[in-house]
Amino acid sequence: MNIIFVSNRLATARTVCVGRCQTGLLLMAGLILFMILSAGFGYLMLFKFGGVQVPMVQKVLVSALQNANENERLATQQRLSTMAVKVGEMQAQILRLEALGERVAKVSGIKKEEFNFDHKPGQGGPLLPGKGIDLSMDDFQQELSKLGRTLDDKSDQLTVMESLISREQVRKAALPSALPVTIGFFSSNYGWRLDPFTGQRAMHEGVDFVADVGAPIKAAAGGIVVYSELNSSYGNMIEIDHGNGLVSRYAHASKRLVKEGDVVLRGQKIGEVGSTGRSTGPHLHFEVLLNGTPQNPIRYLNLPG
C-alpha cells in the first residue's frame, strides 16, 4: 500500500510505501485507541455526569443491588430465627431450673428467700473509657451458645444435687431418730446397771422412758413390723425393721396397735405405754439393733436440748 503526502511546504509530493504487516499494526493500534476512548466516554457518562440517563445500565445496577439486599435480608432473617429458637429453649431451661431450685431448697431445708430465682442478682462496676465494644451478630450468637451450655451444665448439676439430697433424706428418714414417747426423764440408760429384780450387775440394752399407762408409743422411723407378740420378759413387744440392718424394739406396752407385716410411718402410733412383762412400773423400754447387735439408742435419737 502506497501513502502519498502532499503539502505546500514540499516542492514535490512524497510517497511512503507500507507493507501488509505494517498496515495490520496500524489498524490494530487504531482499534485499541478507539476502545480506550469508548471506555473513557462510558466512565464519564456513568460516574461523572449524573444528569445523563442510561436506562438499561441503571436497570441492571438497580436489579443487582436489590438482589444483594434481598439475599442479605434473608440471611439476617434466618440468623434471627435461629437465635429466637435458641432463646425459647433457654427460657424453657430457666423455668426448669427454677422448679429444680425450689425442690432442692425444699428437700435441703433452705429457706425460699435464700434460694430465690425470681430476683436478678446484683451486678455493677465502672465503665472504663474506650473499653466498651459493641457485639456483632457472630459475637451475639457465640454468647447465646455459651449461655445455653452453661444452663445445661447447671441443670445437670441441680438434678444430681436433688437426687443426692433426696437419697440422704430417705436414708435419714429410715434412722430411728424420732422420740417414741413424750418423755419427762429416763429411768434407766443404756449400759451396765444394777438389775431392779436381782440387784446384780447386768447389761441394760436399751433406754427406759417414764410415761403414764396409755401414753401413745410412736414409731421412731418408718419401716415394716416384723414382730408384734407377747413376750415373757418384754411383755407386749413390737419390732420394726427400717432396712440396712436397723431394727427398733418397743417393750412393756399395755396395748399393741400393729401386727406383723404392717407398714408404718415415722411418728405413727403403734401402741400404748404399760407395765407388762418383767417390769416394775409403767414405762417404755426402747432398743435399737444393728444387724442383731444392740446399739445405744441415744446415738440415734433427736433429744431436746
C-alpha atoms as a PDB file:
ATOM      1  CA  MET A   1       0.000   0.000   0.000  1.00  0.00           C
ATOM      2  CA  ASN A   2       1.358   3.498  -1.034  1.00  0.00           C
ATOM      3  CA  ILE A   3       0.601   6.601   1.065  1.00  0.00           C
ATOM      4  CA  ILE A   4       1.160   9.961  -0.712  1.00  0.00           C
ATOM      5  CA  PHE A   5       1.818  13.113   1.427  1.00  0.00           C
ATOM      6  CA  VAL A   6       1.069  16.499  -0.264  1.00  0.00           C
ATOM      7  CA  SER A   7       1.998  19.814   1.418  1.00  0.00           C
ATOM      8  CA  ASN A   8       2.587  23.470   0.488  1.00  0.00           C
ATOM      9  CA  ARG A   9       5.908  23.235   2.238  1.00  0.00           C
ATOM     10  CA  LEU A  10       7.066  20.452  -0.014  1.00  0.00           C
ATOM     11  CA  ALA A  11       8.099  21.207  -3.594  1.00  0.00           C
ATOM     12  CA  THR A  12       7.041  17.784  -4.693  1.00  0.00           C
ATOM     13  CA  ALA A  13       4.692  15.103  -3.246  1.00  0.00           C
ATOM     14  CA  ARG A  14       6.220  12.312  -1.148  1.00  0.00           C
ATOM     15  CA  THR A  15       5.212   8.719  -1.375  1.00  0.00           C
ATOM     16  CA  VAL A  16       5.510   6.192   1.533  1.00  0.00           C
ATOM     17  CA  CYS A  17       5.183   2.523   0.796  1.00  0.00           C
ATOM     18  CA  VAL A  18       3.523   0.495   3.610  1.00  0.00           C
ATOM     19  CA  GLY A  19       3.567  -3.291   3.607  1.00  0.00           C
ATOM     20  CA  ARG A  20       0.787  -5.677   4.754  1.00  0.00           C
ATOM     21  CA  CYS A  21       2.332  -6.188   8.195  1.00  0.00           C
ATOM     22  CA  GLN A  22       2.637  -2.512   8.848  1.00  0.00           C
ATOM     23  CA  THR A  23      -0.936  -1.971   7.684  1.00  0.00           C
ATOM     24  CA  GLY A  24      -2.204  -4.593  10.187  1.00  0.00           C
ATOM     25  CA  LEU A  25      -0.306  -2.929  13.004  1.00  0.00           C
ATOM     26  CA  LEU A  26      -1.778   0.474  12.164  1.00  0.00           C
ATOM     27  CA  LEU A  27      -5.312  -0.961  12.138  1.00  0.00           C
ATOM     28  CA  MET A  28      -4.743  -2.726  15.476  1.00  0.00           C
ATOM     29  CA  ALA A  29      -3.431   0.472  17.086  1.00  0.00           C
ATOM     30  CA  GLY A  30      -6.441   2.377  15.808  1.00  0.00           C
ATOM     31  CA  LEU A  31      -8.836  -0.229  17.231  1.00  0.00           C
ATOM     32  CA  ILE A  32      -7.162  -0.153  20.648  1.00  0.00           C
ATOM     33  CA  LEU A  33      -7.289   3.631  20.699  1.00  0.00           C
ATOM     34  CA  PHE A  34     -10.999   3.512  19.817  1.00  0.00           C
ATOM     35  CA  MET A  35     -11.703   1.066  22.693  1.00  0.00           C
ATOM     36  CA  ILE A  36      -9.819   3.229  25.198  1.00  0.00           C
ATOM     37  CA  LEU A  37     -11.709   6.344  24.096  1.00  0.00           C
ATOM     38  CA  SER A  38     -15.051   4.453  24.280  1.00  0.00           C
ATOM     39  CA  ALA A  39     -14.322   3.168  27.806  1.00  0.00           C
ATOM     40  CA  GLY A  40     -13.354   6.639  28.960  1.00  0.00           C
ATOM     41  CA  PHE A  41     -16.518   8.088  27.487  1.00  0.00           C
ATOM     42  CA  GLY A  42     -18.641   5.425  29.189  1.00  0.00           C
ATOM     43  CA  TYR A  43     -16.976   6.115  32.534  1.00  0.00           C
ATOM     44  CA  LEU A  44     -17.695   9.837  32.199  1.00  0.00           C
ATOM     45  CA  MET A  45     -21.300   9.140  31.271  1.00  0.00           C
ATOM     46  CA  LEU A  46     -21.953   6.794  34.221  1.00  0.00           C
ATOM     47  CA  PHE A  47     -19.984   8.331  37.067  1.00  0.00           C
ATOM     48  CA  LYS A  48     -19.192  11.952  36.242  1.00  0.00           C
ATOM     49  CA  PHE A  49     -22.413  13.239  34.702  1.00  0.00           C
ATOM     50  CA  GLY A  50     -25.319  12.245  36.968  1.00  0.00           C
ATOM     51  CA  GLY A  51     -27.848  14.047  34.866  1.00  0.00           C
ATOM     52  CA  VAL A  52     -27.276  11.805  31.875  1.00  0.00           C
ATOM     53  CA  GLN A  53     -29.737   8.881  31.958  1.00  0.00           C
ATOM     54  CA  VAL A  54     -28.743   5.400  30.787  1.00  0.00           C
ATOM     55  CA  PRO A  55     -31.931   3.371  31.436  1.00  0.00           C
ATOM     56  CA  MET A  56     -30.556  -0.057  30.564  1.00  0.00           C
ATOM     57  CA  VAL A  57     -27.406   0.337  32.666  1.00  0.00           C
ATOM     58  CA  GLN A  58     -29.351   1.797  35.583  1.00  0.00           C
ATOM     59  CA  LYS A  59     -31.836  -1.082  35.441  1.00  0.00           C
ATOM     60  CA  VAL A  60     -29.041  -3.647  35.577  1.00  0.00           C
ATOM     61  CA  LEU A  61     -27.335  -1.861  38.507  1.00  0.00           C
ATOM     62  CA  VAL A  62     -30.578  -1.451  40.494  1.00  0.00           C
ATOM     63  CA  SER A  63     -31.512  -5.089  39.932  1.00  0.00           C
ATOM     64  CA  ALA A  64     -28.102  -6.269  41.132  1.00  0.00           C
ATOM     65  CA  LEU A  65     -28.335  -4.028  44.207  1.00  0.00           C
ATOM     66  CA  GLN A  66     -31.839  -5.252  45.017  1.00  0.00           C
ATOM     67  CA  ASN A  67     -30.753  -8.883  44.717  1.00  0.00           C
ATOM     68  CA  ALA A  68     -27.817  -8.248  47.042  1.00  0.00           C
ATOM     69  CA  ASN A  69     -30.059  -6.513  49.613  1.00  0.00           C
ATOM     70  CA  GLU A  70     -32.668  -9.299  49.427  1.00  0.00           C
ATOM     71  CA  ASN A  71     -30.041 -12.009  49.931  1.00  0.00           C
ATOM     72  CA  GLU A  72     -28.603 -10.115  52.886  1.00  0.00           C
ATOM     73  CA  ARG A  73     -32.088  -9.631  54.353  1.00  0.00           C
ATOM     74  CA  LEU A  74     -32.917 -13.326  54.007  1.00  0.00           C
ATOM     75  CA  ALA A  75     -29.614 -14.329  55.595  1.00  0.00           C
ATOM     76  CA  THR A  76     -30.184 -11.934  58.508  1.00  0.00           C
ATOM     77  CA  GLN A  77     -33.763 -13.179  58.968  1.00  0.00           C
ATOM     78  CA  GLN A  78     -32.583 -16.775  59.033  1.00  0.00           C
ATOM     79  CA  ARG A  79     -29.961 -15.995  61.687  1.00  0.00           C
ATOM     80  CA  LEU A  80     -32.534 -14.108  63.770  1.00  0.00           C
ATOM     81  CA  SER A  81     -34.953 -17.045  63.520  1.00  0.00           C
ATOM     82  CA  THR A  82     -32.227 -19.427  64.675  1.00  0.00           C
ATOM     83  CA  MET A  83     -31.431 -17.188  67.641  1.00  0.00           C
ATOM     84  CA  ALA A  84     -35.131 -16.841  68.509  1.00  0.00           C
ATOM     85  CA  VAL A  85     -35.441 -20.636  68.705  1.00  0.00           C
ATOM     86  CA  LYS A  86     -32.354 -20.739  70.936  1.00  0.00           C
ATOM     87  CA  VAL A  87     -33.777 -18.055  73.222  1.00  0.00           C
ATOM     88  CA  GLY A  88     -37.031 -20.030  73.507  1.00  0.00           C
ATOM     89  CA  GLU A  89     -35.108 -23.158  74.503  1.00  0.00           C
ATOM     90  CA  MET A  90     -33.164 -21.172  77.101  1.00  0.00           C
ATOM     91  CA  GLN A  91     -36.373 -19.740  78.562  1.00  0.00           C
ATOM     92  CA  ALA A  92     -37.716 -23.288  78.989  1.00  0.00           C
ATOM     93  CA  GLN A  93     -34.434 -24.306  80.648  1.00  0.00           C
ATOM     94  CA  ILE A  94     -34.657 -21.361  83.047  1.00  0.00           C
ATOM     95  CA  LEU A  95     -38.190 -22.385  84.074  1.00  0.00           C
ATOM     96  CA  ARG A  96     -36.930 -25.925  84.671  1.00  0.00           C
ATOM     97  CA  LEU A  97     -34.023 -24.567  86.732  1.00  0.00           C
ATOM     98  CA  GLU A  98     -36.412 -22.509  88.854  1.00  0.00           C
ATOM     99  CA  ALA A  99     -38.555 -25.590  89.558  1.00  0.00           C
ATOM    100  CA  LEU A 100     -35.464 -27.654  90.339  1.00  0.00           C
ATOM    101  CA  GLY A 101     -34.122 -24.915  92.604  1.00  0.00           C
ATOM    102  CA  GLU A 102     -37.351 -24.776  94.588  1.00  0.00           C
ATOM    103  CA  ARG A 103     -37.382 -28.569  95.028  1.00  0.00           C
ATOM    104  CA  VAL A 104     -33.728 -28.634  96.075  1.00  0.00           C
ATOM    105  CA  ALA A 105     -34.334 -25.817  98.549  1.00  0.00           C
ATOM    106  CA  LYS A 106     -37.332 -27.657  99.968  1.00  0.00           C
ATOM    107  CA  VAL A 107     -35.668 -31.034 100.478  1.00  0.00           C
ATOM    108  CA  SER A 108     -32.474 -29.460 101.814  1.00  0.00           C
ATOM    109  CA  GLY A 109     -34.297 -27.236 104.294  1.00  0.00           C
ATOM    110  CA  ILE A 110     -33.056 -23.977 102.752  1.00  0.00           C
ATOM    111  CA  LYS A 111     -35.451 -21.071 103.104  1.00  0.00           C
ATOM    112  CA  LYS A 112     -37.003 -19.974  99.816  1.00  0.00           C
ATOM    113  CA  GLU A 113     -35.844 -16.385 100.438  1.00  0.00           C
ATOM    114  CA  GLU A 114     -32.236 -17.600 100.491  1.00  0.00           C
ATOM    115  CA  PHE A 115     -32.593 -19.543  97.228  1.00  0.00           C
ATOM    116  CA  ASN A 116     -34.736 -17.281  95.072  1.00  0.00           C
ATOM    117  CA  PHE A 117     -34.518 -17.407  91.268  1.00  0.00           C
ATOM    118  CA  ASP A 118     -37.133 -14.688  90.827  1.00  0.00           C
ATOM    119  CA  HIS A 119     -34.764 -11.809  91.583  1.00  0.00           C
ATOM    120  CA  LYS A 120     -31.922 -10.848  89.280  1.00  0.00           C
ATOM    121  CA  PRO A 121     -28.553 -10.982  91.071  1.00  0.00           C
ATOM    122  CA  GLY A 122     -26.857  -7.614  91.576  1.00  0.00           C
ATOM    123  CA  GLN A 123     -24.063  -6.616  89.207  1.00  0.00           C
ATOM    124  CA  GLY A 124     -22.144  -3.397  88.676  1.00  0.00           C
ATOM    125  CA  GLY A 125     -18.838  -1.607  88.299  1.00  0.00           C
ATOM    126  CA  PRO A 126     -17.446   1.427  86.458  1.00  0.00           C
ATOM    127  CA  LEU A 127     -17.306   1.544  82.650  1.00  0.00           C
ATOM    128  CA  LEU A 128     -13.731   2.307  81.679  1.00  0.00           C
ATOM    129  CA  PRO A 129     -13.351   4.915  78.892  1.00  0.00           C
ATOM    130  CA  GLY A 130     -12.727   3.364  75.490  1.00  0.00           C
ATOM    131  CA  LYS A 131     -13.228  -0.196  76.793  1.00  0.00           C
ATOM    132  CA  GLY A 132     -16.788  -0.760  75.517  1.00  0.00           C
ATOM    133  CA  ILE A 133     -17.066  -2.943  72.417  1.00  0.00           C
ATOM    134  CA  ASP A 134     -20.317  -3.434  70.512  1.00  0.00           C
ATOM    135  CA  LEU A 135     -21.313  -7.039  69.883  1.00  0.00           C
ATOM    136  CA  SER A 136     -21.516  -8.235  66.301  1.00  0.00           C
ATOM    137  CA  MET A 137     -24.106 -10.758  65.168  1.00  0.00           C
ATOM    138  CA  ASP A 138     -21.494 -13.528  65.351  1.00  0.00           C
ATOM    139  CA  ASP A 139     -20.443 -12.430  68.854  1.00  0.00           C
ATOM    140  CA  PHE A 140     -24.078 -12.466  69.973  1.00  0.00           C
ATOM    141  CA  GLN A 141     -24.601 -15.990  68.619  1.00  0.00           C
ATOM    142  CA  GLN A 142     -21.458 -17.172  70.410  1.00  0.00           C
ATOM    143  CA  GLU A 143     -22.668 -15.670  73.704  1.00  0.00           C
ATOM    144  CA  LEU A 144     -26.063 -17.374  73.280  1.00  0.00           C
ATOM    145  CA  SER A 145     -24.399 -20.721  72.642  1.00  0.00           C
ATOM    146  CA  LYS A 146     -22.122 -20.274  75.671  1.00  0.00           C
ATOM    147  CA  LEU A 147     -25.084 -19.353  77.882  1.00  0.00           C
ATOM    148  CA  GLY A 148     -27.029 -22.373  76.602  1.00  0.00           C
ATOM    149  CA  ARG A 149     -24.161 -24.703  77.527  1.00  0.00           C
ATOM    150  CA  THR A 150     -23.941 -23.101  80.976  1.00  0.00           C
ATOM    151  CA  LEU A 151     -27.672 -23.621  81.543  1.00  0.00           C
ATOM    152  CA  ASP A 152     -27.340 -27.274  80.529  1.00  0.00           C
ATOM    153  CA  ASP A 153     -24.462 -27.762  82.985  1.00  0.00           C
ATOM    154  CA  LYS A 154     -26.308 -26.044  85.848  1.00  0.00           C
ATOM    155  CA  SER A 155     -29.442 -28.060  85.157  1.00  0.00           C
ATOM    156  CA  ASP A 156     -27.473 -31.311  85.277  1.00  0.00           C
ATOM    157  CA  GLN A 157     -25.734 -30.249  88.497  1.00  0.00           C
ATOM    158  CA  LEU A 158     -29.017 -29.332  90.190  1.00  0.00           C
ATOM    159  CA  THR A 159     -30.572 -32.621  89.093  1.00  0.00           C
ATOM    160  CA  VAL A 160     -27.682 -34.580  90.596  1.00  0.00           C
ATOM    161  CA  MET A 161     -27.834 -32.455  93.759  1.00  0.00           C
ATOM    162  CA  GLU A 162     -31.569 -33.082  94.112  1.00  0.00           C
ATOM    163  CA  SER A 163     -31.004 -36.821  93.709  1.00  0.00           C
ATOM    164  CA  LEU A 164     -28.251 -36.870  96.337  1.00  0.00           C
ATOM    165  CA  ILE A 165     -30.244 -34.782  98.807  1.00  0.00           C
ATOM    166  CA  SER A 166     -33.358 -36.903  98.297  1.00  0.00           C
ATOM    167  CA  ARG A 167     -31.326 -40.054  98.845  1.00  0.00           C
ATOM    168  CA  GLU A 168     -29.876 -38.584 102.023  1.00  0.00           C
ATOM    169  CA  GLN A 169     -33.352 -37.593 103.184  1.00  0.00           C
ATOM    170  CA  VAL A 170     -34.575 -41.152 102.614  1.00  0.00           C
ATOM    171  CA  ARG A 171     -31.583 -42.528 104.489  1.00  0.00           C
ATOM    172  CA  LYS A 172     -32.193 -40.210 107.446  1.00  0.00           C
ATOM    173  CA  ALA A 173     -35.918 -40.994 107.420  1.00  0.00           C
ATOM    174  CA  ALA A 174     -35.011 -44.662 107.890  1.00  0.00           C
ATOM    175  CA  LEU A 175     -32.959 -43.918 111.020  1.00  0.00           C
ATOM    176  CA  PRO A 176     -34.893 -44.478 114.296  1.00  0.00           C
ATOM    177  CA  SER A 177     -34.297 -40.927 115.497  1.00  0.00           C
ATOM    178  CA  ALA A 178     -37.802 -39.726 116.414  1.00  0.00           C
ATOM    179  CA  LEU A 179     -38.733 -39.940 120.098  1.00  0.00           C
ATOM    180  CA  PRO A 180     -41.092 -42.908 120.648  1.00  0.00           C
ATOM    181  CA  VAL A 181     -42.839 -41.175 123.577  1.00  0.00           C
ATOM    182  CA  THR A 182     -43.078 -37.697 125.045  1.00  0.00           C
ATOM    183  CA  ILE A 183     -40.555 -38.031 127.839  1.00  0.00           C
ATOM    184  CA  GLY A 184     -40.120 -36.404 131.219  1.00  0.00           C
ATOM    185  CA  PHE A 185     -36.877 -38.232 132.038  1.00  0.00           C
ATOM    186  CA  PHE A 186     -35.044 -41.554 131.602  1.00  0.00           C
ATOM    187  CA  SER A 187     -35.499 -44.017 134.425  1.00  0.00           C
ATOM    188  CA  SER A 188     -32.658 -46.159 133.099  1.00  0.00           C
ATOM    189  CA  ASN A 189     -29.969 -45.576 130.463  1.00  0.00           C
ATOM    190  CA  TYR A 190     -28.159 -47.903 128.103  1.00  0.00           C
ATOM    191  CA  GLY A 191     -25.266 -49.816 129.665  1.00  0.00           C
ATOM    192  CA  TRP A 192     -24.360 -51.656 132.835  1.00  0.00           C
ATOM    193  CA  ARG A 193     -26.674 -51.231 135.852  1.00  0.00           C
ATOM    194  CA  LEU A 194     -27.998 -53.000 138.926  1.00  0.00           C
ATOM    195  CA  ASP A 195     -30.891 -55.239 137.926  1.00  0.00           C
ATOM    196  CA  PRO A 196     -34.088 -53.979 139.676  1.00  0.00           C
ATOM    197  CA  PHE A 197     -35.185 -57.541 140.471  1.00  0.00           C
ATOM    198  CA  THR A 198     -31.949 -59.312 141.419  1.00  0.00           C
ATOM    199  CA  GLY A 199     -29.722 -56.421 142.463  1.00  0.00           C
ATOM    200  CA  GLN A 200     -26.927 -57.910 140.408  1.00  0.00           C
ATOM    201  CA  ARG A 201     -24.836 -56.012 137.897  1.00  0.00           C
ATOM    202  CA  ALA A 202     -26.381 -56.586 134.483  1.00  0.00           C
ATOM    203  CA  MET A 203     -26.303 -55.112 130.992  1.00  0.00           C
ATOM    204  CA  HIS A 204     -29.281 -52.951 130.021  1.00  0.00           C
ATOM    205  CA  GLU A 205     -29.537 -52.982 126.209  1.00  0.00           C
ATOM    206  CA  GLY A 206     -31.927 -50.064 125.798  1.00  0.00           C
ATOM    207  CA  VAL A 207     -33.310 -46.955 127.471  1.00  0.00           C
ATOM    208  CA  ASP A 208     -36.408 -46.689 129.676  1.00  0.00           C
ATOM    209  CA  PHE A 209     -38.781 -43.756 129.144  1.00  0.00           C
ATOM    210  CA  VAL A 210     -41.012 -42.830 132.092  1.00  0.00           C
ATOM    211  CA  ALA A 211     -44.613 -42.380 130.891  1.00  0.00           C
ATOM    212  CA  ASP A 212     -48.161 -42.944 132.100  1.00  0.00           C
ATOM    213  CA  VAL A 213     -50.157 -46.029 131.223  1.00  0.00           C
ATOM    214  CA  GLY A 214     -51.948 -45.472 127.935  1.00  0.00           C
ATOM    215  CA  ALA A 215     -49.497 -42.839 126.654  1.00  0.00           C
ATOM    216  CA  PRO A 216     -49.014 -43.264 122.865  1.00  0.00           C
ATOM    217  CA  ILE A 217     -45.987 -45.166 121.597  1.00  0.00           C
ATOM    218  CA  LYS A 218     -44.828 -43.881 118.190  1.00  0.00           C
ATOM    219  CA  ALA A 219     -42.578 -45.413 115.533  1.00  0.00           C
ATOM    220  CA  ALA A 220     -39.095 -43.888 115.698  1.00  0.00           C
ATOM    221  CA  ALA A 221     -38.827 -44.277 111.904  1.00  0.00           C
ATOM    222  CA  GLY A 222     -40.766 -45.747 109.003  1.00  0.00           C
ATOM    223  CA  GLY A 223     -40.492 -49.436 108.271  1.00  0.00           C
ATOM    224  CA  ILE A 224     -42.162 -52.859 108.369  1.00  0.00           C
ATOM    225  CA  VAL A 225     -43.413 -54.523 111.549  1.00  0.00           C
ATOM    226  CA  VAL A 226     -41.532 -57.813 111.904  1.00  0.00           C
ATOM    227  CA  TYR A 227     -42.710 -58.754 115.420  1.00  0.00           C
ATOM    228  CA  SER A 228     -45.818 -57.974 117.450  1.00  0.00           C
ATOM    229  CA  GLU A 229     -46.356 -60.532 120.225  1.00  0.00           C
ATOM    230  CA  LEU A 230     -46.471 -61.004 123.987  1.00  0.00           C
ATOM    231  CA  ASN A 231     -43.036 -61.902 125.346  1.00  0.00           C
ATOM    232  CA  SER A 232     -42.375 -63.295 128.840  1.00  0.00           C
ATOM    233  CA  SER A 233     -39.603 -60.777 129.555  1.00  0.00           C
ATOM    234  CA  TYR A 234     -40.532 -57.825 127.320  1.00  0.00           C
ATOM    235  CA  GLY A 235     -44.300 -58.120 127.739  1.00  0.00           C
ATOM    236  CA  ASN A 236     -46.195 -56.728 124.750  1.00  0.00           C
ATOM    237  CA  MET A 237     -43.343 -56.114 122.315  1.00  0.00           C
ATOM    238  CA  ILE A 238     -43.160 -54.632 118.812  1.00  0.00           C
ATOM    239  CA  GLU A 239     -40.181 -54.683 116.454  1.00  0.00           C
ATOM    240  CA  ILE A 240     -39.899 -52.559 113.280  1.00  0.00           C
ATOM    241  CA  ASP A 241     -37.379 -53.236 110.500  1.00  0.00           C
ATOM    242  CA  HIS A 242     -36.100 -49.955 108.969  1.00  0.00           C
ATOM    243  CA  GLY A 243     -33.789 -51.541 106.393  1.00  0.00           C
ATOM    244  CA  ASN A 244     -29.993 -51.646 106.200  1.00  0.00           C
ATOM    245  CA  GLY A 245     -29.933 -53.949 109.246  1.00  0.00           C
ATOM    246  CA  LEU A 246     -31.614 -51.433 111.587  1.00  0.00           C
ATOM    247  CA  VAL A 247     -34.429 -52.619 113.879  1.00  0.00           C
ATOM    248  CA  SER A 248     -36.179 -50.715 116.674  1.00  0.00           C
ATOM    249  CA  ARG A 249     -37.814 -52.536 119.629  1.00  0.00           C
ATOM    250  CA  TYR A 250     -40.653 -51.290 121.866  1.00  0.00           C
ATOM    251  CA  ALA A 251     -41.438 -53.276 125.046  1.00  0.00           C
ATOM    252  CA  HIS A 252     -43.784 -53.472 128.093  1.00  0.00           C
ATOM    253  CA  ALA A 253     -46.704 -51.938 126.153  1.00  0.00           C
ATOM    254  CA  SER A 254     -50.207 -52.200 127.538  1.00  0.00           C
ATOM    255  CA  LYS A 255     -51.628 -52.388 124.017  1.00  0.00           C
ATOM    256  CA  ARG A 256     -50.269 -53.229 120.577  1.00  0.00           C
ATOM    257  CA  LEU A 257     -51.937 -51.452 117.623  1.00  0.00           C
ATOM    258  CA  VAL A 258     -49.989 -53.004 114.727  1.00  0.00           C
ATOM    259  CA  LYS A 259     -49.385 -56.560 113.556  1.00  0.00           C
ATOM    260  CA  GLU A 260     -46.564 -58.337 111.775  1.00  0.00           C
ATOM    261  CA  GLY A 261     -46.277 -57.265 108.130  1.00  0.00           C
ATOM    262  CA  ASP A 262     -47.795 -53.794 108.629  1.00  0.00           C
ATOM    263  CA  VAL A 263     -46.035 -50.845 107.034  1.00  0.00           C
ATOM    264  CA  VAL A 264     -45.717 -47.952 109.472  1.00  0.00           C
ATOM    265  CA  LEU A 265     -44.629 -44.359 109.015  1.00  0.00           C
ATOM    266  CA  ARG A 266     -42.313 -42.266 111.125  1.00  0.00           C
ATOM    267  CA  GLY A 267     -44.263 -40.920 114.127  1.00  0.00           C
ATOM    268  CA  GLN A 268     -47.220 -43.276 113.619  1.00  0.00           C
ATOM    269  CA  LYS A 269     -48.882 -44.560 116.800  1.00  0.00           C
ATOM    270  CA  ILE A 270     -48.127 -48.268 117.153  1.00  0.00           C
ATOM    271  CA  GLY A 271     -49.139 -48.964 120.764  1.00  0.00           C
ATOM    272  CA  GLU A 272     -49.681 -47.607 124.289  1.00  0.00           C
ATOM    273  CA  VAL A 273     -47.380 -47.490 127.310  1.00  0.00           C
ATOM    274  CA  GLY A 274     -47.886 -50.129 130.018  1.00  0.00           C
ATOM    275  CA  SER A 275     -46.074 -52.365 132.505  1.00  0.00           C
ATOM    276  CA  THR A 276     -46.347 -55.837 131.009  1.00  0.00           C
ATOM    277  CA  GLY A 277     -43.633 -58.466 131.232  1.00  0.00           C
ATOM    278  CA  ARG A 278     -40.627 -58.057 133.532  1.00  0.00           C
ATOM    279  CA  SER A 279     -41.357 -54.511 134.670  1.00  0.00           C
ATOM    280  CA  THR A 280     -41.538 -52.647 137.997  1.00  0.00           C
ATOM    281  CA  GLY A 281     -43.938 -49.948 136.695  1.00  0.00           C
ATOM    282  CA  PRO A 282     -45.302 -48.061 133.665  1.00  0.00           C
ATOM    283  CA  HIS A 283     -42.562 -47.186 131.184  1.00  0.00           C
ATOM    284  CA  LEU A 284     -41.394 -47.862 127.621  1.00  0.00           C
ATOM    285  CA  HIS A 285     -38.287 -49.934 127.075  1.00  0.00           C
ATOM    286  CA  PHE A 286     -36.757 -48.856 123.717  1.00  0.00           C
ATOM    287  CA  GLU A 287     -33.909 -50.585 121.877  1.00  0.00           C
ATOM    288  CA  VAL A 288     -32.072 -50.132 118.562  1.00  0.00           C
ATOM    289  CA  LEU A 289     -30.336 -53.116 116.981  1.00  0.00           C
ATOM    290  CA  LEU A 290     -27.909 -53.074 114.061  1.00  0.00           C
ATOM    291  CA  ASN A 291     -27.592 -56.461 112.370  1.00  0.00           C
ATOM    292  CA  GLY A 292     -28.887 -58.049 115.582  1.00  0.00           C
ATOM    293  CA  THR A 293     -26.415 -56.241 117.885  1.00  0.00           C
ATOM    294  CA  PRO A 294     -27.848 -53.801 120.456  1.00  0.00           C
ATOM    295  CA  GLN A 295     -26.782 -50.171 119.983  1.00  0.00           C
ATOM    296  CA  ASN A 296     -27.019 -47.192 122.307  1.00  0.00           C
ATOM    297  CA  PRO A 297     -30.337 -45.572 121.232  1.00  0.00           C
ATOM    298  CA  ILE A 298     -29.084 -42.179 122.365  1.00  0.00           C
ATOM    299  CA  ARG A 299     -26.780 -42.149 119.317  1.00  0.00           C
ATOM    300  CA  TYR A 300     -29.849 -42.158 117.075  1.00  0.00           C
ATOM    301  CA  LEU A 301     -32.480 -40.202 118.962  1.00  0.00           C
ATOM    302  CA  ASN A 302     -33.047 -36.488 118.416  1.00  0.00           C
ATOM    303  CA  LEU A 303     -33.225 -35.482 122.055  1.00  0.00           C
ATOM    304  CA  PRO A 304     -34.402 -31.988 123.085  1.00  0.00           C
ATOM    305  CA  GLY A 305     -31.605 -29.641 124.126  1.00  0.00           C
END
